[in-house]
PDB file of N, CA and C in Angstrom:
ATOM      1  N   MET A   1      31.102 -63.373  -6.005  1.00  0.00           N
ATOM      2  CA  MET A   1      31.649 -62.507  -5.906  1.00  0.00           C
ATOM      3  C   MET A   1      30.463 -61.437  -8.089  1.00  0.00           C
ATOM      4  N   ALA A   2      30.379 -62.532  -8.345  1.00  0.00           N
ATOM      5  CA  ALA A   2      29.478 -62.100  -9.386  1.00  0.00           C
ATOM      6  C   ALA A   2      28.544 -60.767  -8.443  1.00  0.00           C
ATOM      7  N   LEU A   3      27.830 -61.061  -7.531  1.00  0.00           N
ATOM      8  CA  LEU A   3      26.956 -60.168  -6.847  1.00  0.00           C
ATOM      9  C   LEU A   3      27.459 -58.793  -5.942  1.00  0.00           C
ATOM     10  N   LEU A   4      28.350 -59.580  -6.102  1.00  0.00           N
ATOM     11  CA  LEU A   4      29.539 -57.507  -5.961  1.00  0.00           C
ATOM     12  C   LEU A   4      29.333 -56.329  -6.731  1.00  0.00           C
ATOM     13  N   ALA A   5      29.624 -57.010  -7.924  1.00  0.00           N
ATOM     14  CA  ALA A   5      30.295 -56.898  -9.630  1.00  0.00           C
ATOM     15  C   ALA A   5      28.039 -56.666  -9.652  1.00  0.00           C
ATOM     16  N   ALA A   6      27.326 -56.651 -10.148  1.00  0.00           N
ATOM     17  CA  ALA A   6      25.906 -56.449 -10.316  1.00  0.00           C
ATOM     18  C   ALA A   6      26.087 -55.230  -9.331  1.00  0.00           C
ATOM     19  N   THR A   7      26.128 -55.052  -7.895  1.00  0.00           N
ATOM     20  CA  THR A   7      25.468 -53.890  -6.895  1.00  0.00           C
ATOM     21  C   THR A   7      26.369 -52.662  -7.583  1.00  0.00           C
ATOM     22  N   GLY A   8      27.528 -53.180  -7.900  1.00  0.00           N
ATOM     23  CA  GLY A   8      28.474 -52.306  -7.595  1.00  0.00           C
ATOM     24  C   GLY A   8      28.027 -51.127  -9.487  1.00  0.00           C
ATOM     25  N   ALA A   9      27.693 -52.181  -9.965  1.00  0.00           N
ATOM     26  CA  ALA A   9      27.259 -51.786 -11.480  1.00  0.00           C
ATOM     27  C   ALA A   9      26.369 -50.750 -11.663  1.00  0.00           C
ATOM     28  N   THR A  10      25.281 -51.218 -10.762  1.00  0.00           N
ATOM     29  CA  THR A  10      23.772 -50.556 -10.448  1.00  0.00           C
ATOM     30  C   THR A  10      23.733 -49.038 -10.126  1.00  0.00           C
ATOM     31  N   ALA A  11      25.037 -49.231  -8.812  1.00  0.00           N
ATOM     32  CA  ALA A  11      25.009 -47.563  -7.796  1.00  0.00           C
ATOM     33  C   ALA A  11      25.722 -46.762  -9.010  1.00  0.00           C
ATOM     34  N   SER A  12      26.852 -47.512  -9.510  1.00  0.00           N
ATOM     35  CA  SER A  12      27.094 -46.198 -10.619  1.00  0.00           C
ATOM     36  C   SER A  12      26.346 -45.751 -11.698  1.00  0.00           C
ATOM     37  N   ALA A  13      25.320 -46.294 -12.064  1.00  0.00           N
ATOM     38  CA  ALA A  13      24.570 -45.979 -13.591  1.00  0.00           C
ATOM     39  C   ALA A  13      23.302 -45.565 -12.850  1.00  0.00           C
ATOM     40  N   THR A  14      23.318 -44.824 -11.723  1.00  0.00           N
ATOM     41  CA  THR A  14      22.236 -43.911 -11.135  1.00  0.00           C
ATOM     42  C   THR A  14      22.852 -42.211 -11.585  1.00  0.00           C
ATOM     43  N   PRO A  15      22.342 -41.564 -12.164  1.00  0.00           N
ATOM     44  CA  PRO A  15      23.090 -39.988 -11.825  1.00  0.00           C
ATOM     45  C   PRO A  15      22.845 -39.786 -10.519  1.00  0.00           C
ATOM     46  N   ALA A  16      24.480 -38.571  -9.799  1.00  0.00           N
ATOM     47  CA  ALA A  16      24.308 -37.970  -8.931  1.00  0.00           C
ATOM     48  C   ALA A  16      24.485 -36.133  -8.858  1.00  0.00           C
ATOM     49  N   GLY A  17      24.084 -36.074 -10.283  1.00  0.00           N
ATOM     50  CA  GLY A  17      24.409 -34.508 -10.589  1.00  0.00           C
ATOM     51  C   GLY A  17      23.215 -34.043  -9.362  1.00  0.00           C
ATOM     52  N   PRO A  18      23.675 -32.385  -9.107  1.00  0.00           N
ATOM     53  CA  PRO A  18      22.487 -32.036  -8.618  1.00  0.00           C
ATOM     54  C   PRO A  18      20.878 -31.392  -9.199  1.00  0.00           C
ATOM     55  N   GLN A  19      20.371 -31.257  -8.184  1.00  0.00           N
ATOM     56  CA  GLN A  19      18.999 -31.290  -8.014  1.00  0.00           C
ATOM     57  C   GLN A  19      18.562 -30.159  -8.789  1.00  0.00           C
ATOM     58  N   VAL A  20      17.570 -29.420  -9.673  1.00  0.00           N
ATOM     59  CA  VAL A  20      17.038 -28.962 -10.442  1.00  0.00           C
ATOM     60  C   VAL A  20      15.983 -28.511 -10.128  1.00  0.00           C
ATOM     61  N   LEU A  21      15.344 -27.003  -9.612  1.00  0.00           N
ATOM     62  CA  LEU A  21      14.371 -26.681  -9.272  1.00  0.00           C
ATOM     63  C   LEU A  21      13.790 -25.850  -9.971  1.00  0.00           C
ATOM     64  N   PRO A  22      12.842 -25.832  -9.972  1.00  0.00           N
ATOM     65  CA  PRO A  22      12.109 -24.922 -10.991  1.00  0.00           C
ATOM     66  C   PRO A  22      11.883 -23.491 -10.677  1.00  0.00           C
ATOM     67  N   ALA A  23      11.828 -22.938 -11.594  1.00  0.00           N
ATOM     68  CA  ALA A  23      12.105 -21.202 -12.092  1.00  0.00           C
ATOM     69  C   ALA A  23      10.820 -20.990 -11.072  1.00  0.00           C
ATOM     70  N   LYS A  24      11.267 -19.876 -10.128  1.00  0.00           N
ATOM     71  CA  LYS A  24      10.318 -18.743  -9.347  1.00  0.00           C
ATOM     72  C   LYS A  24       9.797 -18.198 -10.789  1.00  0.00           C
ATOM     73  N   THR A  25       8.253 -17.460 -10.559  1.00  0.00           N
ATOM     74  CA  THR A  25       7.401 -17.011 -11.217  1.00  0.00           C
ATOM     75  C   THR A  25       6.899 -15.579 -11.240  1.00  0.00           C
ATOM     76  N   CYS A  26       7.302 -14.544 -11.520  1.00  0.00           N
ATOM     77  CA  CYS A  26       7.028 -13.592 -10.942  1.00  0.00           C
ATOM     78  C   CYS A  26       5.575 -12.943 -12.084  1.00  0.00           C
ATOM     79  N   SER A  27       5.432 -11.881 -10.440  1.00  0.00           N
ATOM     80  CA  SER A  27       3.856 -10.895 -11.473  1.00  0.00           C
ATOM     81  C   SER A  27       5.119  -9.812 -12.057  1.00  0.00           C
ATOM     82  N   SER A  28       3.837  -9.248 -12.917  1.00  0.00           N
ATOM     83  CA  SER A  28       4.065  -8.268 -13.787  1.00  0.00           C
ATOM     84  C   SER A  28       5.283  -7.321 -12.999  1.00  0.00           C
ATOM     85  N   GLY A  29       5.461  -6.411 -13.877  1.00  0.00           N
ATOM     86  CA  GLY A  29       6.340  -5.835 -13.118  1.00  0.00           C
ATOM     87  C   GLY A  29       7.622  -6.163 -11.663  1.00  0.00           C
ATOM     88  N   TYR A  30       7.948  -6.892 -11.416  1.00  0.00           N
ATOM     89  CA  TYR A  30       8.698  -7.667 -11.096  1.00  0.00           C
ATOM     90  C   TYR A  30       9.774  -8.419 -11.877  1.00  0.00           C
ATOM     91  N   THR A  31      11.227  -8.163 -10.901  1.00  0.00           N
ATOM     92  CA  THR A  31      12.238  -8.850 -12.105  1.00  0.00           C
ATOM     93  C   THR A  31      12.931 -10.299 -11.089  1.00  0.00           C
ATOM     94  N   HIS A  32      12.752 -11.522 -12.200  1.00  0.00           N
ATOM     95  CA  HIS A  32      13.213 -12.485 -10.993  1.00  0.00           C
ATOM     96  C   HIS A  32      14.833 -12.173 -11.053  1.00  0.00           C
ATOM     97  N   ALA A  33      15.676 -13.049 -10.141  1.00  0.00           N
ATOM     98  CA  ALA A  33      16.773 -12.753  -9.761  1.00  0.00           C
ATOM     99  C   ALA A  33      17.027 -14.007  -8.597  1.00  0.00           C
ATOM    100  N   VAL A  34      18.266 -14.069  -8.947  1.00  0.00           N
ATOM    101  CA  VAL A  34      19.328 -15.370  -7.816  1.00  0.00           C
ATOM    102  C   VAL A  34      19.844 -14.618  -6.988  1.00  0.00           C
ATOM    103  N   ILE A  35      19.450 -13.644  -5.719  1.00  0.00           N
ATOM    104  CA  ILE A  35      20.493 -13.157  -4.861  1.00  0.00           C
ATOM    105  C   ILE A  35      20.443 -14.140  -3.475  1.00  0.00           C
ATOM    106  N   ASN A  36      21.962 -14.308  -2.808  1.00  0.00           N
ATOM    107  CA  ASN A  36      22.267 -15.056  -2.156  1.00  0.00           C
ATOM    108  C   ASN A  36      21.988 -16.479  -2.115  1.00  0.00           C
ATOM    109  N   HIS A  37      21.745 -16.576  -3.384  1.00  0.00           N
ATOM    110  CA  HIS A  37      21.484 -18.319  -3.755  1.00  0.00           C
ATOM    111  C   HIS A  37      19.944 -18.861  -3.616  1.00  0.00           C
ATOM    112  N   GLN A  38      19.654 -17.651  -3.702  1.00  0.00           N
ATOM    113  CA  GLN A  38      17.945 -17.747  -3.628  1.00  0.00           C
ATOM    114  C   GLN A  38      16.944 -16.878  -4.312  1.00  0.00           C
ATOM    115  N   GLN A  39      15.909 -17.475  -4.640  1.00  0.00           N
ATOM    116  CA  GLN A  39      15.484 -16.879  -6.106  1.00  0.00           C
ATOM    117  C   GLN A  39      14.157 -15.861  -5.106  1.00  0.00           C
ATOM    118  N   LYS A  40      14.665 -14.685  -5.947  1.00  0.00           N
ATOM    119  CA  LYS A  40      13.540 -13.115  -5.653  1.00  0.00           C
ATOM    120  C   LYS A  40      12.654 -12.911  -6.722  1.00  0.00           C
ATOM    121  N   CYS A  41      12.197 -11.802  -6.609  1.00  0.00           N
ATOM    122  CA  CYS A  41      11.047 -11.224  -7.172  1.00  0.00           C
ATOM    123  C   CYS A  41      11.373 -10.102  -6.459  1.00  0.00           C
ATOM    124  N   LEU A  42      12.276  -8.571  -7.419  1.00  0.00           N
ATOM    125  CA  LEU A  42      12.730  -7.572  -6.944  1.00  0.00           C
ATOM    126  C   LEU A  42      11.521  -6.884  -7.777  1.00  0.00           C
ATOM    127  N   ARG A  43      11.665  -5.681  -7.060  1.00  0.00           N
ATOM    128  CA  ARG A  43      10.931  -4.390  -7.758  1.00  0.00           C
ATOM    129  C   ARG A  43      11.231  -3.095  -6.955  1.00  0.00           C
ATOM    130  N   ARG A  44      11.596  -2.135  -7.426  1.00  0.00           N
ATOM    131  CA  ARG A  44      11.916  -0.746  -7.056  1.00  0.00           C
ATOM    132  C   ARG A  44      10.581  -0.424  -5.964  1.00  0.00           C
ATOM    133  N   GLY A  45      11.684  -0.200  -4.637  1.00  0.00           N
ATOM    134  CA  GLY A  45      10.872   0.529  -3.644  1.00  0.00           C
ATOM    135  C   GLY A  45      11.271  -0.984  -2.607  1.00  0.00           C
ATOM    136  N   GLU A  46      11.332  -1.857  -2.986  1.00  0.00           N
ATOM    137  CA  GLU A  46      11.022  -3.630  -1.940  1.00  0.00           C
ATOM    138  C   GLU A  46      12.231  -3.399  -0.677  1.00  0.00           C
ATOM    139  N   PHE A  47      12.087  -3.534  -0.035  1.00  0.00           N
ATOM    140  CA  PHE A  47      13.173  -3.856   1.251  1.00  0.00           C
ATOM    141  C   PHE A  47      14.020  -4.867   0.509  1.00  0.00           C
ATOM    142  N   CYS A  48      15.771  -4.313   1.076  1.00  0.00           N
ATOM    143  CA  CYS A  48      17.255  -5.193   0.485  1.00  0.00           C
ATOM    144  C   CYS A  48      17.570  -5.214   1.525  1.00  0.00           C
ATOM    145  N   ALA A  49      18.598  -6.383   1.302  1.00  0.00           N
ATOM    146  CA  ALA A  49      19.718  -6.457   2.320  1.00  0.00           C
ATOM    147  C   ALA A  49      20.910  -5.413   1.611  1.00  0.00           C
ATOM    148  N   HIS A  50      21.720  -4.634   2.244  1.00  0.00           N
ATOM    149  CA  HIS A  50      23.070  -3.705   1.937  1.00  0.00           C
ATOM    150  C   HIS A  50      24.106  -4.740   1.609  1.00  0.00           C
ATOM    151  N   ARG A  51      24.296  -6.339   2.420  1.00  0.00           N
ATOM    152  CA  ARG A  51      25.269  -6.594   2.317  1.00  0.00           C
ATOM    153  C   ARG A  51      25.398  -7.588   0.808  1.00  0.00           C
ATOM    154  N   TYR A  52      24.456  -7.785   0.183  1.00  0.00           N
ATOM    155  CA  TYR A  52      23.996  -8.108  -1.118  1.00  0.00           C
ATOM    156  C   TYR A  52      24.030  -7.204  -2.607  1.00  0.00           C
ATOM    157  N   ARG A  53      24.004  -5.573  -1.896  1.00  0.00           N
ATOM    158  CA  ARG A  53      24.340  -4.795  -3.281  1.00  0.00           C
ATOM    159  C   ARG A  53      25.047  -5.245  -4.347  1.00  0.00           C
ATOM    160  N   LYS A  54      25.931  -5.592  -4.239  1.00  0.00           N
ATOM    161  CA  LYS A  54      26.983  -6.134  -6.064  1.00  0.00           C
ATOM    162  C   LYS A  54      25.537  -7.002  -6.747  1.00  0.00           C
ATOM    163  N   GLN A  55      25.141  -7.615  -6.027  1.00  0.00           N
ATOM    164  CA  GLN A  55      24.275  -9.050  -6.280  1.00  0.00           C
ATOM    165  C   GLN A  55      22.669  -7.819  -7.221  1.00  0.00           C
ATOM    166  N   TYR A  56      22.612  -7.377  -6.444  1.00  0.00           N
ATOM    167  CA  TYR A  56      21.536  -6.382  -7.177  1.00  0.00           C
ATOM    168  C   TYR A  56      21.737  -5.193  -8.139  1.00  0.00           C
ATOM    169  N   ARG A  57      23.004  -5.500  -8.374  1.00  0.00           N
ATOM    170  CA  ARG A  57      23.431  -4.046  -9.262  1.00  0.00           C
ATOM    171  C   ARG A  57      23.162  -5.374 -10.455  1.00  0.00           C
ATOM    172  N   ARG A  58      23.514  -6.624 -10.503  1.00  0.00           N
ATOM    173  CA  ARG A  58      23.500  -7.382 -11.415  1.00  0.00           C
ATOM    174  C   ARG A  58      22.302  -7.168 -12.286  1.00  0.00           C
ATOM    175  N   TYR A  59      21.094  -6.615 -11.746  1.00  0.00           N
ATOM    176  CA  TYR A  59      19.611  -6.958 -12.066  1.00  0.00           C
ATOM    177  C   TYR A  59      18.816  -5.166 -11.931  1.00  0.00           C
ATOM    178  N   GLY A  60      19.975  -4.457 -12.623  1.00  0.00           N
ATOM    179  CA  GLY A  60      19.931  -3.123 -12.237  1.00  0.00           C
ATOM    180  C   GLY A  60      19.286  -2.235 -11.487  1.00  0.00           C
ATOM    181  N   TYR A  61      19.329  -2.935 -10.342  1.00  0.00           N
ATOM    182  CA  TYR A  61      18.850  -2.278  -8.868  1.00  0.00           C
ATOM    183  C   TYR A  61      20.179  -2.100  -8.032  1.00  0.00           C
ATOM    184  N   ASP A  62      20.094  -0.551  -7.394  1.00  0.00           N
ATOM    185  CA  ASP A  62      21.043  -0.478  -6.201  1.00  0.00           C
ATOM    186  C   ASP A  62      19.959  -0.611  -4.523  1.00  0.00           C
ATOM    187  N   CYS A  63      20.863  -0.827  -4.168  1.00  0.00           N
ATOM    188  CA  CYS A  63      20.199  -0.933  -2.337  1.00  0.00           C
ATOM    189  C   CYS A  63      20.960   0.119  -1.607  1.00  0.00           C
ATOM    190  N   VAL A  64      20.099   1.073  -1.245  1.00  0.00           N
ATOM    191  CA  VAL A  64      20.646   2.410  -0.439  1.00  0.00           C
ATOM    192  C   VAL A  64      19.425   2.505   0.674  1.00  0.00           C
ATOM    193  N   LYS A  65      19.394   3.245   1.694  1.00  0.00           N
ATOM    194  CA  LYS A  65      19.268   3.832   2.547  1.00  0.00           C
ATOM    195  C   LYS A  65      18.218   4.883   2.391  1.00  0.00           C
ATOM    196  N   ARG A  66      16.707   4.495   2.538  1.00  0.00           N
ATOM    197  CA  ARG A  66      15.878   5.236   1.449  1.00  0.00           C
ATOM    198  C   ARG A  66      14.807   5.924   3.550  1.00  0.00           C
ATOM    199  N   ASP A  67      14.788   5.079   4.241  1.00  0.00           N
ATOM    200  CA  ASP A  67      13.892   5.556   5.696  1.00  0.00           C
ATOM    201  C   ASP A  67      14.676   6.339   6.641  1.00  0.00           C
ATOM    202  N   ARG A  68      13.581   7.057   7.736  1.00  0.00           N
ATOM    203  CA  ARG A  68      14.168   7.232   9.008  1.00  0.00           C
ATOM    204  C   ARG A  68      14.420   6.378   9.524  1.00  0.00           C
ATOM    205  N   ARG A  69      14.055   4.865   9.530  1.00  0.00           N
ATOM    206  CA  ARG A  69      14.316   4.165  10.062  1.00  0.00           C
ATOM    207  C   ARG A  69      15.780   3.319  10.030  1.00  0.00           C
ATOM    208  N   GLY A  70      16.554   4.088   8.483  1.00  0.00           N
ATOM    209  CA  GLY A  70      17.490   2.909   8.360  1.00  0.00           C
ATOM    210  C   GLY A  70      18.066   1.543   7.568  1.00  0.00           C
ATOM    211  N   ASN A  71      15.870   1.756   7.253  1.00  0.00           N
ATOM    212  CA  ASN A  71      15.991   0.594   6.003  1.00  0.00           C
ATOM    213  C   ASN A  71      16.270   0.601   5.046  1.00  0.00           C
ATOM    214  N   TYR A  72      16.947  -0.257   4.042  1.00  0.00           N
ATOM    215  CA  TYR A  72      17.253   0.073   2.521  1.00  0.00           C
ATOM    216  C   TYR A  72      16.656  -0.724   1.687  1.00  0.00           C
ATOM    217  N   HIS A  73      16.273  -0.038   0.854  1.00  0.00           N
ATOM    218  CA  HIS A  73      15.068  -0.291  -0.264  1.00  0.00           C
ATOM    219  C   HIS A  73      15.870  -0.303  -1.969  1.00  0.00           C
ATOM    220  N   LEU A  74      15.074  -0.992  -2.771  1.00  0.00           N
ATOM    221  CA  LEU A  74      15.760  -1.163  -4.026  1.00  0.00           C
ATOM    222  C   LEU A  74      15.305   0.119  -4.559  1.00  0.00           C
ATOM    223  N   THR A  75      16.411   1.137  -5.301  1.00  0.00           N
ATOM    224  CA  THR A  75      16.223   2.265  -6.245  1.00  0.00           C
ATOM    225  C   THR A  75      16.620   1.581  -7.622  1.00  0.00           C
TER     226      THR A  75
END
């Protein structure tokens, strides 16, 4: 009985919180952002996913169609 109590106390003492990931470092001229739960480095003219347009707006960018092929880019 004492053995069960000791193992139960040890298991509950270990933290089960979320893992902390190191922040991505962006070069000069880029803005660090978290888009769709992924860390990104954003800059005007880069490709973007139109479905995450609201998330880009949080960082001061907009995702609009800019070329003949129909690709979206940050403005």
